[in-house]
PDB file of N, CA and C in Angstrom:
ATOM      1  N   UNK A   1      45.399 -40.908 -50.663  1.00  0.00           N
ATOM      2  CA  UNK A   1      46.082 -41.016 -51.950  1.00  0.00           C
ATOM      3  C   UNK A   1      45.576 -42.240 -52.728  1.00  0.00           C
ATOM      4  N   UNK A   2      45.603 -43.411 -52.104  1.00  0.00           N
ATOM      5  CA  UNK A   2      45.158 -44.619 -52.802  1.00  0.00           C
ATOM      6  C   UNK A   2      43.704 -44.526 -53.224  1.00  0.00           C
ATOM      7  N   UNK A   3      42.877 -43.935 -52.387  1.00  0.00           N
ATOM      8  CA  UNK A   3      41.448 -43.801 -52.698  1.00  0.00           C
ATOM      9  C   UNK A   3      41.260 -43.006 -53.987  1.00  0.00           C
ATOM     10  N   UNK A   4      41.999 -41.929 -54.133  1.00  0.00           N
ATOM     11  CA  UNK A   4      41.917 -41.102 -55.336  1.00  0.00           C
ATOM     12  C   UNK A   4      42.341 -41.894 -56.563  1.00  0.00           C
ATOM     13  N   UNK A   5      43.439 -42.628 -56.450  1.00  0.00           N
ATOM     14  CA  UNK A   5      43.916 -43.431 -57.579  1.00  0.00           C
ATOM     15  C   UNK A   5      42.904 -44.510 -57.929  1.00  0.00           C
ATOM     16  N   UNK A   6      42.343 -45.171 -56.920  1.00  0.00           N
ATOM     17  CA  UNK A   6      41.345 -46.211 -57.190  1.00  0.00           C
ATOM     18  C   UNK A   6      40.112 -45.630 -57.867  1.00  0.00           C
ATOM     19  N   UNK A   7      39.691 -44.451 -57.431  1.00  0.00           N
ATOM     20  CA  UNK A   7      38.544 -43.787 -58.059  1.00  0.00           C
ATOM     21  C   UNK A   7      38.853 -43.445 -59.512  1.00  0.00           C
ATOM     22  N   UNK A   8      40.039 -42.911 -59.763  1.00  0.00           N
ATOM     23  CA  UNK A   8      40.431 -42.580 -61.141  1.00  0.00           C
ATOM     24  C   UNK A   8      40.557 -43.840 -61.997  1.00  0.00           C
ATOM     25  N   UNK A   9      41.101 -44.901 -61.411  1.00  0.00           N
ATOM     26  CA  UNK A   9      41.242 -46.146 -62.155  1.00  0.00           C
ATOM     27  C   UNK A   9      39.869 -46.703 -62.534  1.00  0.00           C
ATOM     28  N   UNK A  10      38.943 -46.689 -61.601  1.00  0.00           N
ATOM     29  CA  UNK A  10      37.591 -47.171 -61.886  1.00  0.00           C
ATOM     30  C   UNK A  10      36.932 -46.321 -62.973  1.00  0.00           C
ATOM     31  N   UNK A  11      37.119 -45.015 -62.902  1.00  0.00           N
ATOM     32  CA  UNK A  11      36.560 -44.092 -63.899  1.00  0.00           C
ATOM     33  C   UNK A  11      37.142 -44.396 -65.283  1.00  0.00           C
ATOM     34  N   UNK A  12      38.445 -44.650 -65.327  1.00  0.00           N
ATOM     35  CA  UNK A  12      39.112 -44.972 -66.596  1.00  0.00           C
ATOM     36  C   UNK A  12      38.645 -46.326 -67.119  1.00  0.00           C
ATOM     37  N   UNK A  13      38.535 -47.297 -66.228  1.00  0.00           N
ATOM     38  CA  UNK A  13      38.101 -48.625 -66.664  1.00  0.00           C
ATOM     39  C   UNK A  13      36.674 -48.606 -67.208  1.00  0.00           C
ATOM     40  N   UNK A  14      35.835 -47.722 -66.694  1.00  0.00           N
ATOM     41  CA  UNK A  14      34.479 -47.577 -67.250  1.00  0.00           C
ATOM     42  C   UNK A  14      34.561 -47.142 -68.707  1.00  0.00           C
ATOM     43  N   UNK A  15      35.515 -46.274 -68.999  1.00  0.00           N
ATOM     44  CA  UNK A  15      35.701 -45.826 -70.386  1.00  0.00           C
ATOM     45  C   UNK A  15      36.110 -47.000 -71.274  1.00  0.00           C
ATOM     46  N   UNK A  16      36.893 -47.910 -70.729  1.00  0.00           N
ATOM     47  CA  UNK A  16      37.385 -49.060 -71.489  1.00  0.00           C
ATOM     48  C   UNK A  16      36.413 -50.230 -71.497  1.00  0.00           C
ATOM     49  N   UNK A  17      35.259 -50.070 -70.869  1.00  0.00           N
ATOM     50  CA  UNK A  17      34.324 -51.187 -70.771  1.00  0.00           C
ATOM     51  C   UNK A  17      33.463 -51.367 -72.016  1.00  0.00           C
ATOM     52  N   UNK A  18      33.624 -50.512 -73.013  1.00  0.00           N
ATOM     53  CA  UNK A  18      32.838 -50.642 -74.243  1.00  0.00           C
ATOM     54  C   UNK A  18      33.711 -51.258 -75.343  1.00  0.00           C
ATOM     55  N   UNK A  19      33.250 -52.342 -75.969  1.00  0.00           N
ATOM     56  CA  UNK A  19      34.056 -53.014 -76.990  1.00  0.00           C
ATOM     57  C   UNK A  19      34.495 -52.102 -78.140  1.00  0.00           C
ATOM     58  N   UNK A  20      33.652 -51.178 -78.557  1.00  0.00           N
ATOM     59  CA  UNK A  20      34.024 -50.298 -79.665  1.00  0.00           C
ATOM     60  C   UNK A  20      35.143 -49.337 -79.257  1.00  0.00           C
ATOM     61  N   UNK A  21      35.162 -48.915 -77.997  1.00  0.00           N
ATOM     62  CA  UNK A  21      36.250 -48.041 -77.531  1.00  0.00           C
ATOM     63  C   UNK A  21      37.560 -48.808 -77.500  1.00  0.00           C
ATOM     64  N   UNK A  22      37.495 -50.073 -77.093  1.00  0.00           N
ATOM     65  CA  UNK A  22      38.697 -50.906 -77.131  1.00  0.00           C
ATOM     66  C   UNK A  22      39.170 -51.101 -78.568  1.00  0.00           C
ATOM     67  N   UNK A  23      38.232 -51.268 -79.476  1.00  0.00           N
ATOM     68  CA  UNK A  23      38.578 -51.415 -80.893  1.00  0.00           C
ATOM     69  C   UNK A  23      39.232 -50.135 -81.417  1.00  0.00           C
ATOM     70  N   UNK A  24      38.707 -48.990 -81.032  1.00  0.00           N
ATOM     71  CA  UNK A  24      39.297 -47.705 -81.444  1.00  0.00           C
ATOM     72  C   UNK A  24      40.732 -47.612 -80.935  1.00  0.00           C
ATOM     73  N   UNK A  25      40.946 -47.948 -79.661  1.00  0.00           N
ATOM     74  CA  UNK A  25      42.307 -47.917 -79.119  1.00  0.00           C
ATOM     75  C   UNK A  25      43.221 -48.866 -79.873  1.00  0.00           C
ATOM     76  N   UNK A  26      42.719 -50.051 -80.196  1.00  0.00           N
ATOM     77  CA  UNK A  26      43.500 -51.022 -80.956  1.00  0.00           C
ATOM     78  C   UNK A  26      43.895 -50.439 -82.316  1.00  0.00           C
ATOM     79  N   UNK A  27      42.965 -49.787 -82.964  1.00  0.00           N
ATOM     80  CA  UNK A  27      43.244 -49.175 -84.268  1.00  0.00           C
ATOM     81  C   UNK A  27      44.299 -48.069 -84.159  1.00  0.00           C
ATOM     82  N   UNK A  28      44.357 -47.406 -83.020  1.00  0.00           N
ATOM     83  CA  UNK A  28      45.288 -46.298 -82.835  1.00  0.00           C
ATOM     84  C   UNK A  28      46.659 -46.739 -82.325  1.00  0.00           C
ATOM     85  N   UNK A  29      46.817 -47.999 -81.963  1.00  0.00           N
ATOM     86  CA  UNK A  29      48.082 -48.466 -81.413  1.00  0.00           C
ATOM     87  C   UNK A  29      49.245 -48.309 -82.388  1.00  0.00           C
ATOM     88  N   UNK A  30      48.992 -48.474 -83.651  1.00  0.00           N
ATOM     89  CA  UNK A  30      50.060 -48.385 -84.653  1.00  0.00           C
ATOM     90  C   UNK A  30      50.403 -46.937 -84.996  1.00  0.00           C
ATOM     91  N   UNK A  31      49.630 -46.008 -84.504  1.00  0.00           N
ATOM     92  CA  UNK A  31      49.871 -44.594 -84.792  1.00  0.00           C
ATOM     93  C   UNK A  31      48.564 -43.874 -85.007  1.00  0.00           C
ATOM     94  N   UNK A  32      48.654 -42.567 -85.126  1.00  0.00           N
ATOM     95  CA  UNK A  32      47.468 -41.747 -85.289  1.00  0.00           C
ATOM     96  C   UNK A  32      46.701 -42.062 -86.565  1.00  0.00           C
ATOM     97  N   UNK A  33      45.414 -41.845 -86.497  1.00  0.00           N
ATOM     98  CA  UNK A  33      44.544 -42.034 -87.663  1.00  0.00           C
ATOM     99  C   UNK A  33      43.562 -40.887 -87.723  1.00  0.00           C
ATOM    100  N   UNK A  34      43.131 -40.618 -88.929  1.00  0.00           N
ATOM    101  CA  UNK A  34      42.118 -39.586 -89.119  1.00  0.00           C
ATOM    102  C   UNK A  34      40.753 -40.119 -88.691  1.00  0.00           C
ATOM    103  N   UNK A  35      39.839 -39.202 -88.491  1.00  0.00           N
ATOM    104  CA  UNK A  35      38.468 -39.576 -88.148  1.00  0.00           C
ATOM    105  C   UNK A  35      37.917 -40.517 -89.210  1.00  0.00           C
ATOM    106  N   UNK A  36      38.126 -40.175 -90.481  1.00  0.00           N
ATOM    107  CA  UNK A  36      37.607 -40.994 -91.583  1.00  0.00           C
ATOM    108  C   UNK A  36      38.222 -42.394 -91.565  1.00  0.00           C
ATOM    109  N   UNK A  37      39.513 -42.495 -91.277  1.00  0.00           N
ATOM    110  CA  UNK A  37      40.164 -43.808 -91.206  1.00  0.00           C
ATOM    111  C   UNK A  37      39.582 -44.640 -90.062  1.00  0.00           C
ATOM    112  N   UNK A  38      39.355 -43.987 -88.919  1.00  0.00           N
ATOM    113  CA  UNK A  38      38.751 -44.699 -87.797  1.00  0.00           C
ATOM    114  C   UNK A  38      37.326 -45.137 -88.114  1.00  0.00           C
ATOM    115  N   UNK A  39      36.598 -44.281 -88.786  1.00  0.00           N
ATOM    116  CA  UNK A  39      35.229 -44.622 -89.143  1.00  0.00           C
ATOM    117  C   UNK A  39      35.211 -45.833 -90.067  1.00  0.00           C
ATOM    118  N   UNK A  40      36.101 -45.838 -91.050  1.00  0.00           N
ATOM    119  CA  UNK A  40      36.175 -46.964 -91.979  1.00  0.00           C
ATOM    120  C   UNK A  40      36.588 -48.253 -91.253  1.00  0.00           C
ATOM    121  N   UNK A  41      37.576 -48.148 -90.362  1.00  0.00           N
ATOM    122  CA  UNK A  41      38.097 -49.329 -89.661  1.00  0.00           C
ATOM    123  C   UNK A  41      37.090 -49.923 -88.686  1.00  0.00           C
ATOM    124  N   UNK A  42      36.298 -49.082 -88.055  1.00  0.00           N
ATOM    125  CA  UNK A  42      35.370 -49.566 -87.025  1.00  0.00           C
ATOM    126  C   UNK A  42      33.961 -49.805 -87.538  1.00  0.00           C
ATOM    127  N   UNK A  43      33.603 -49.180 -88.656  1.00  0.00           N
ATOM    128  CA  UNK A  43      32.250 -49.317 -89.188  1.00  0.00           C
ATOM    129  C   UNK A  43      31.213 -48.503 -88.435  1.00  0.00           C
ATOM    130  N   UNK A  44      31.664 -47.605 -87.587  1.00  0.00           N
ATOM    131  CA  UNK A  44      30.731 -46.776 -86.812  1.00  0.00           C
ATOM    132  C   UNK A  44      30.231 -45.597 -87.640  1.00  0.00           C
ATOM    133  N   UNK A  45      29.049 -45.138 -87.323  1.00  0.00           N
ATOM    134  CA  UNK A  45      28.534 -43.930 -87.961  1.00  0.00           C
ATOM    135  C   UNK A  45      29.341 -42.736 -87.448  1.00  0.00           C
ATOM    136  N   UNK A  46      29.263 -41.620 -88.158  1.00  0.00           N
ATOM    137  CA  UNK A  46      29.980 -40.415 -87.726  1.00  0.00           C
ATOM    138  C   UNK A  46      29.566 -40.005 -86.322  1.00  0.00           C
ATOM    139  N   UNK A  47      28.269 -40.000 -86.074  1.00  0.00           N
ATOM    140  CA  UNK A  47      27.759 -39.569 -84.772  1.00  0.00           C
ATOM    141  C   UNK A  47      28.229 -40.495 -83.658  1.00  0.00           C
ATOM    142  N   UNK A  48      28.179 -41.797 -83.902  1.00  0.00           N
ATOM    143  CA  UNK A  48      28.570 -42.759 -82.881  1.00  0.00           C
ATOM    144  C   UNK A  48      30.069 -42.703 -82.608  1.00  0.00           C
ATOM    145  N   UNK A  49      30.870 -42.621 -83.652  1.00  0.00           N
ATOM    146  CA  UNK A  49      32.321 -42.516 -83.484  1.00  0.00           C
ATOM    147  C   UNK A  49      32.673 -41.234 -82.746  1.00  0.00           C
ATOM    148  N   UNK A  50      32.027 -40.152 -83.114  1.00  0.00           N
ATOM    149  CA  UNK A  50      32.269 -38.875 -82.456  1.00  0.00           C
ATOM    150  C   UNK A  50      31.955 -38.961 -80.963  1.00  0.00           C
ATOM    151  N   UNK A  51      30.859 -39.621 -80.638  1.00  0.00           N
ATOM    152  CA  UNK A  51      30.476 -39.786 -79.235  1.00  0.00           C
ATOM    153  C   UNK A  51      31.535 -40.582 -78.466  1.00  0.00           C
ATOM    154  N   UNK A  52      31.983 -41.703 -79.030  1.00  0.00           N
ATOM    155  CA  UNK A  52      33.000 -42.525 -78.376  1.00  0.00           C
ATOM    156  C   UNK A  52      34.309 -41.758 -78.212  1.00  0.00           C
ATOM    157  N   UNK A  53      34.730 -41.073 -79.262  1.00  0.00           N
ATOM    158  CA  UNK A  53      35.982 -40.315 -79.189  1.00  0.00           C
ATOM    159  C   UNK A  53      35.877 -39.183 -78.169  1.00  0.00           C
ATOM    160  N   UNK A  54      34.722 -38.573 -78.056  1.00  0.00           N
ATOM    161  CA  UNK A  54      34.516 -37.516 -77.068  1.00  0.00           C
ATOM    162  C   UNK A  54      34.684 -38.040 -75.650  1.00  0.00           C
ATOM    163  N   UNK A  55      34.127 -39.187 -75.392  1.00  0.00           N
ATOM    164  CA  UNK A  55      34.266 -39.809 -74.076  1.00  0.00           C
ATOM    165  C   UNK A  55      35.733 -40.142 -73.815  1.00  0.00           C
ATOM    166  N   UNK A  56      36.386 -40.694 -74.822  1.00  0.00           N
ATOM    167  CA  UNK A  56      37.782 -41.092 -74.663  1.00  0.00           C
ATOM    168  C   UNK A  56      38.698 -39.877 -74.490  1.00  0.00           C
ATOM    169  N   UNK A  57      38.385 -38.794 -75.143  1.00  0.00           N
ATOM    170  CA  UNK A  57      39.161 -37.559 -74.967  1.00  0.00           C
ATOM    171  C   UNK A  57      38.944 -36.996 -73.565  1.00  0.00           C
ATOM    172  N   UNK A  58      37.711 -36.995 -73.108  1.00  0.00           N
ATOM    173  CA  UNK A  58      37.398 -36.489 -71.768  1.00  0.00           C
ATOM    174  C   UNK A  58      38.119 -37.282 -70.681  1.00  0.00           C
ATOM    175  N   UNK A  59      38.306 -38.563 -70.909  1.00  0.00           N
ATOM    176  CA  UNK A  59      38.960 -39.424 -69.923  1.00  0.00           C
ATOM    177  C   UNK A  59      40.478 -39.460 -70.099  1.00  0.00           C
ATOM    178  N   UNK A  60      40.986 -38.735 -71.096  1.00  0.00           N
ATOM    179  CA  UNK A  60      42.435 -38.679 -71.303  1.00  0.00           C
ATOM    180  C   UNK A  60      43.017 -39.886 -71.999  1.00  0.00           C
ATOM    181  N   UNK A  61      42.184 -40.661 -72.689  1.00  0.00           N
ATOM    182  CA  UNK A  61      42.657 -41.866 -73.374  1.00  0.00           C
ATOM    183  C   UNK A  61      43.240 -41.554 -74.748  1.00  0.00           C
ATOM    184  N   UNK A  62      42.630 -40.592 -75.430  1.00  0.00           N
ATOM    185  CA  UNK A  62      43.111 -40.197 -76.757  1.00  0.00           C
ATOM    186  C   UNK A  62      43.265 -38.683 -76.805  1.00  0.00           C
ATOM    187  N   UNK A  63      44.092 -38.257 -77.743  1.00  0.00           N
ATOM    188  CA  UNK A  63      44.257 -36.831 -78.012  1.00  0.00           C
ATOM    189  C   UNK A  63      43.969 -36.613 -79.494  1.00  0.00           C
ATOM    190  N   UNK A  64      43.589 -35.390 -79.810  1.00  0.00           N
ATOM    191  CA  UNK A  64      43.265 -35.045 -81.194  1.00  0.00           C
ATOM    192  C   UNK A  64      44.124 -33.873 -81.637  1.00  0.00           C
ATOM    193  N   UNK A  65      44.428 -33.854 -82.915  1.00  0.00           N
ATOM    194  CA  UNK A  65      45.095 -32.698 -83.504  1.00  0.00           C
ATOM    195  C   UNK A  65      44.461 -32.432 -84.863  1.00  0.00           C
ATOM    196  N   UNK A  66      44.359 -31.171 -85.177  1.00  0.00           N
ATOM    197  CA  UNK A  66      43.751 -30.763 -86.439  1.00  0.00           C
ATOM    198  C   UNK A  66      44.846 -30.450 -87.448  1.00  0.00           C
ATOM    199  N   UNK A  67      44.665 -30.949 -88.668  1.00  0.00           N
ATOM    200  CA  UNK A  67      45.557 -30.642 -89.780  1.00  0.00           C
ATOM    201  C   UNK A  67      44.667 -30.211 -90.937  1.00  0.00           C
ATOM    202  N   UNK A  68      44.504 -28.911 -91.097  1.00  0.00           N
ATOM    203  CA  UNK A  68      43.576 -28.396 -92.099  1.00  0.00           C
ATOM    204  C   UNK A  68      42.159 -28.754 -91.711  1.00  0.00           C
ATOM    205  N   UNK A  69      41.468 -29.430 -92.606  1.00  0.00           N
ATOM    206  CA  UNK A  69      40.090 -29.831 -92.333  1.00  0.00           C
ATOM    207  C   UNK A  69      39.996 -31.199 -91.669  1.00  0.00           C
ATOM    208  N   UNK A  70      41.130 -31.870 -91.511  1.00  0.00           N
ATOM    209  CA  UNK A  70      41.121 -33.229 -90.977  1.00  0.00           C
ATOM    210  C   UNK A  70      41.497 -33.243 -89.502  1.00  0.00           C
ATOM    211  N   UNK A  71      40.850 -34.134 -88.776  1.00  0.00           N
ATOM    212  CA  UNK A  71      41.121 -34.328 -87.362  1.00  0.00           C
ATOM    213  C   UNK A  71      41.771 -35.696 -87.194  1.00  0.00           C
ATOM    214  N   UNK A  72      42.928 -35.707 -86.541  1.00  0.00           N
ATOM    215  CA  UNK A  72      43.670 -36.946 -86.317  1.00  0.00           C
ATOM    216  C   UNK A  72      43.680 -37.282 -84.839  1.00  0.00           C
ATOM    217  N   UNK A  73      43.559 -38.571 -84.538  1.00  0.00           N
ATOM    218  CA  UNK A  73      43.524 -39.034 -83.165  1.00  0.00           C
ATOM    219  C   UNK A  73      44.690 -39.976 -82.916  1.00  0.00           C
ATOM    220  N   UNK A  74      45.175 -39.958 -81.680  1.00  0.00           N
ATOM    221  CA  UNK A  74      46.211 -40.892 -81.261  1.00  0.00           C
ATOM    222  C   UNK A  74      46.012 -41.217 -79.782  1.00  0.00           C
ATOM    223  N   UNK A  75      46.646 -42.295 -79.347  1.00  0.00           N
ATOM    224  CA  UNK A  75      46.572 -42.700 -77.944  1.00  0.00           C
ATOM    225  C   UNK A  75      47.354 -41.665 -77.135  1.00  0.00           C
ATOM    226  N   UNK A  76      46.779 -41.219 -76.040  1.00  0.00           N
ATOM    227  CA  UNK A  76      47.371 -40.140 -75.247  1.00  0.00           C
ATOM    228  C   UNK A  76      48.673 -40.556 -74.562  1.00  0.00           C
ATOM    229  N   UNK A  77      48.779 -41.812 -74.181  1.00  0.00           N
ATOM    230  CA  UNK A  77      49.963 -42.289 -73.473  1.00  0.00           C
ATOM    231  C   UNK A  77      50.218 -43.727 -73.932  1.00  0.00           C
ATOM    232  N   UNK A  78      51.437 -44.049 -74.367  1.00  0.00           N
ATOM    233  CA  UNK A  78      51.704 -45.413 -74.853  1.00  0.00           C
ATOM    234  C   UNK A  78      51.430 -46.497 -73.811  1.00  0.00           C
ATOM    235  N   UNK A  79      51.441 -46.142 -72.539  1.00  0.00           N
ATOM    236  CA  UNK A  79      51.162 -47.134 -71.502  1.00  0.00           C
ATOM    237  C   UNK A  79      49.714 -47.617 -71.561  1.00  0.00           C
ATOM    238  N   UNK A  80      48.836 -46.810 -72.116  1.00  0.00           N
ATOM    239  CA  UNK A  80      47.439 -47.235 -72.303  1.00  0.00           C
ATOM    240  C   UNK A  80      47.399 -48.415 -73.264  1.00  0.00           C
ATOM    241  N   UNK A  81      48.129 -48.310 -74.374  1.00  0.00           N
ATOM    242  CA  UNK A  81      48.193 -49.411 -75.346  1.00  0.00           C
ATOM    243  C   UNK A  81      48.847 -50.638 -74.734  1.00  0.00           C
ATOM    244  N   UNK A  82      49.885 -50.427 -73.921  1.00  0.00           N
ATOM    245  CA  UNK A  82      50.558 -51.549 -73.272  1.00  0.00           C
ATOM    246  C   UNK A  82      49.597 -52.268 -72.331  1.00  0.00           C
ATOM    247  N   UNK A  83      48.842 -51.508 -71.552  1.00  0.00           N
ATOM    248  CA  UNK A  83      47.892 -52.112 -70.611  1.00  0.00           C
ATOM    249  C   UNK A  83      46.825 -52.912 -71.355  1.00  0.00           C
ATOM    250  N   UNK A  84      46.301 -52.346 -72.423  1.00  0.00           N
ATOM    251  CA  UNK A  84      45.281 -53.065 -73.206  1.00  0.00           C
ATOM    252  C   UNK A  84      45.875 -54.305 -73.857  1.00  0.00           C
ATOM    253  N   UNK A  85      47.102 -54.200 -74.345  1.00  0.00           N
ATOM    254  CA  UNK A  85      47.777 -55.344 -74.944  1.00  0.00           C
ATOM    255  C   UNK A  85      47.997 -56.464 -73.943  1.00  0.00           C
ATOM    256  N   UNK A  86      48.395 -56.106 -72.735  1.00  0.00           N
ATOM    257  CA  UNK A  86      48.574 -57.117 -71.686  1.00  0.00           C
ATOM    258  C   UNK A  86      47.264 -57.817 -71.367  1.00  0.00           C
ATOM    259  N   UNK A  87      46.195 -57.064 -71.303  1.00  0.00           N
ATOM    260  CA  UNK A  87      44.895 -57.667 -71.008  1.00  0.00           C
ATOM    261  C   UNK A  87      44.475 -58.613 -72.136  1.00  0.00           C
ATOM    262  N   UNK A  88      44.719 -58.229 -73.387  1.00  0.00           N
ATOM    263  CA  UNK A  88      44.399 -59.126 -74.508  1.00  0.00           C
ATOM    264  C   UNK A  88      45.217 -60.414 -74.418  1.00  0.00           C
ATOM    265  N   UNK A  89      46.501 -60.298 -74.022  1.00  0.00           N
ATOM    266  CA  UNK A  89      47.340 -61.486 -73.861  1.00  0.00           C
ATOM    267  C   UNK A  89      46.761 -62.408 -72.785  1.00  0.00           C
ATOM    268  N   UNK A  90      46.359 -61.837 -71.665  1.00  0.00           N
ATOM    269  CA  UNK A  90      45.754 -62.622 -70.590  1.00  0.00           C
ATOM    270  C   UNK A  90      44.517 -63.350 -71.111  1.00  0.00           C
ATOM    271  N   UNK A  91      43.695 -62.656 -71.878  1.00  0.00           N
ATOM    272  CA  UNK A  91      42.466 -63.257 -72.393  1.00  0.00           C
ATOM    273  C   UNK A  91      42.763 -64.357 -73.415  1.00  0.00           C
ATOM    274  N   UNK A  92      43.762 -64.143 -74.280  1.00  0.00           N
ATOM    275  CA  UNK A  92      44.161 -65.196 -75.232  1.00  0.00           C
ATOM    276  C   UNK A  92      44.634 -66.439 -74.485  1.00  0.00           C
ATOM    277  N   UNK A  93      45.429 -66.237 -73.430  1.00  0.00           N
ATOM    278  CA  UNK A  93      45.908 -67.364 -72.626  1.00  0.00           C
ATOM    279  C   UNK A  93      44.746 -68.078 -71.938  1.00  0.00           C
ATOM    280  N   UNK A  94      43.796 -67.306 -71.455  1.00  0.00           N
ATOM    281  CA  UNK A  94      42.620 -67.886 -70.805  1.00  0.00           C
ATOM    282  C   UNK A  94      41.819 -68.732 -71.797  1.00  0.00           C
ATOM    283  N   UNK A  95      41.604 -68.210 -72.981  1.00  0.00           N
ATOM    284  CA  UNK A  95      40.864 -68.947 -74.008  1.00  0.00           C
ATOM    285  C   UNK A  95      41.608 -70.237 -74.368  1.00  0.00           C
ATOM    286  N   UNK A  96      42.925 -70.141 -74.555  1.00  0.00           N
ATOM    287  CA  UNK A  96      43.718 -71.323 -74.901  1.00  0.00           C
ATOM    288  C   UNK A  96      43.631 -72.378 -73.800  1.00  0.00           C
ATOM    289  N   UNK A  97      43.706 -71.944 -72.547  1.00  0.00           N
ATOM    290  CA  UNK A  97      43.617 -72.892 -71.428  1.00  0.00           C
ATOM    291  C   UNK A  97      42.247 -73.549 -71.382  1.00  0.00           C
ATOM    292  N   UNK A  98      41.196 -72.768 -71.625  1.00  0.00           N
ATOM    293  CA  UNK A  98      39.841 -73.317 -71.618  1.00  0.00           C
ATOM    294  C   UNK A  98      39.645 -74.312 -72.758  1.00  0.00           C
ATOM    295  N   UNK A  99      40.237 -74.012 -73.916  1.00  0.00           N
ATOM    296  CA  UNK A  99      40.103 -74.918 -75.060  1.00  0.00           C
ATOM    297  C   UNK A  99      40.814 -76.242 -74.793  1.00  0.00           C
ATOM    298  N   UNK A 100      41.928 -76.189 -74.067  1.00  0.00           N
ATOM    299  CA  UNK A 100      42.641 -77.424 -73.712  1.00  0.00           C
ATOM    300  C   UNK A 100      41.800 -78.277 -72.780  1.00  0.00           C
ATOM    301  N   UNK A 101      40.983 -77.629 -71.968  1.00  0.00           N
ATOM    302  CA  UNK A 101      40.127 -78.352 -71.025  1.00  0.00           C
ATOM    303  C   UNK A 101      38.828 -78.831 -71.672  1.00  0.00           C
ATOM    304  N   UNK A 102      38.624 -78.460 -72.930  1.00  0.00           N
ATOM    305  CA  UNK A 102      37.466 -78.953 -73.653  1.00  0.00           C
ATOM    306  C   UNK A 102      36.302 -78.001 -73.779  1.00  0.00           C
ATOM    307  N   UNK A 103      36.495 -76.783 -73.423  1.00  0.00           N
ATOM    308  CA  UNK A 103      35.412 -75.824 -73.584  1.00  0.00           C
ATOM    309  C   UNK A 103      35.834 -74.435 -73.148  1.00  0.00           C
ATOM    310  N   UNK A 104      35.124 -73.466 -73.643  1.00  0.00           N
ATOM    311  CA  UNK A 104      35.412 -72.077 -73.301  1.00  0.00           C
ATOM    312  C   UNK A 104      34.353 -71.579 -72.348  1.00  0.00           C
ATOM    313  N   UNK A 105      34.790 -71.067 -71.227  1.00  0.00           N
ATOM    314  CA  UNK A 105      33.860 -70.493 -70.249  1.00  0.00           C
ATOM    315  C   UNK A 105      34.108 -69.004 -70.155  1.00  0.00           C
ATOM    316  N   UNK A 106      33.048 -68.225 -70.216  1.00  0.00           N
ATOM    317  CA  UNK A 106      33.179 -66.769 -70.115  1.00  0.00           C
ATOM    318  C   UNK A 106      33.248 -66.363 -68.686  1.00  0.00           C
TER     319      UNK A 106
END
């Protein structure tokens, strides 16, 4: 059982290892957005955004719904946004601690 969960977790984390995918998730945290809105917010080309969203859909990170000619995306599970938010908090705290010590170490 644990092995399966660890394998799935690693597979999911690979999806989250790209900065643009994290940015897409961040953009979707406030609610669903159209493809065009995501493209404008991220600055990605249509082809590149489509590729990222396809990967994220395959991994169950985002879901899509069609409304006429428009495609809207949203985070598949609110816990995904919570997990990403917690990680950003950890990183902000890490940066703040490093700055207090006189430098930032990656």
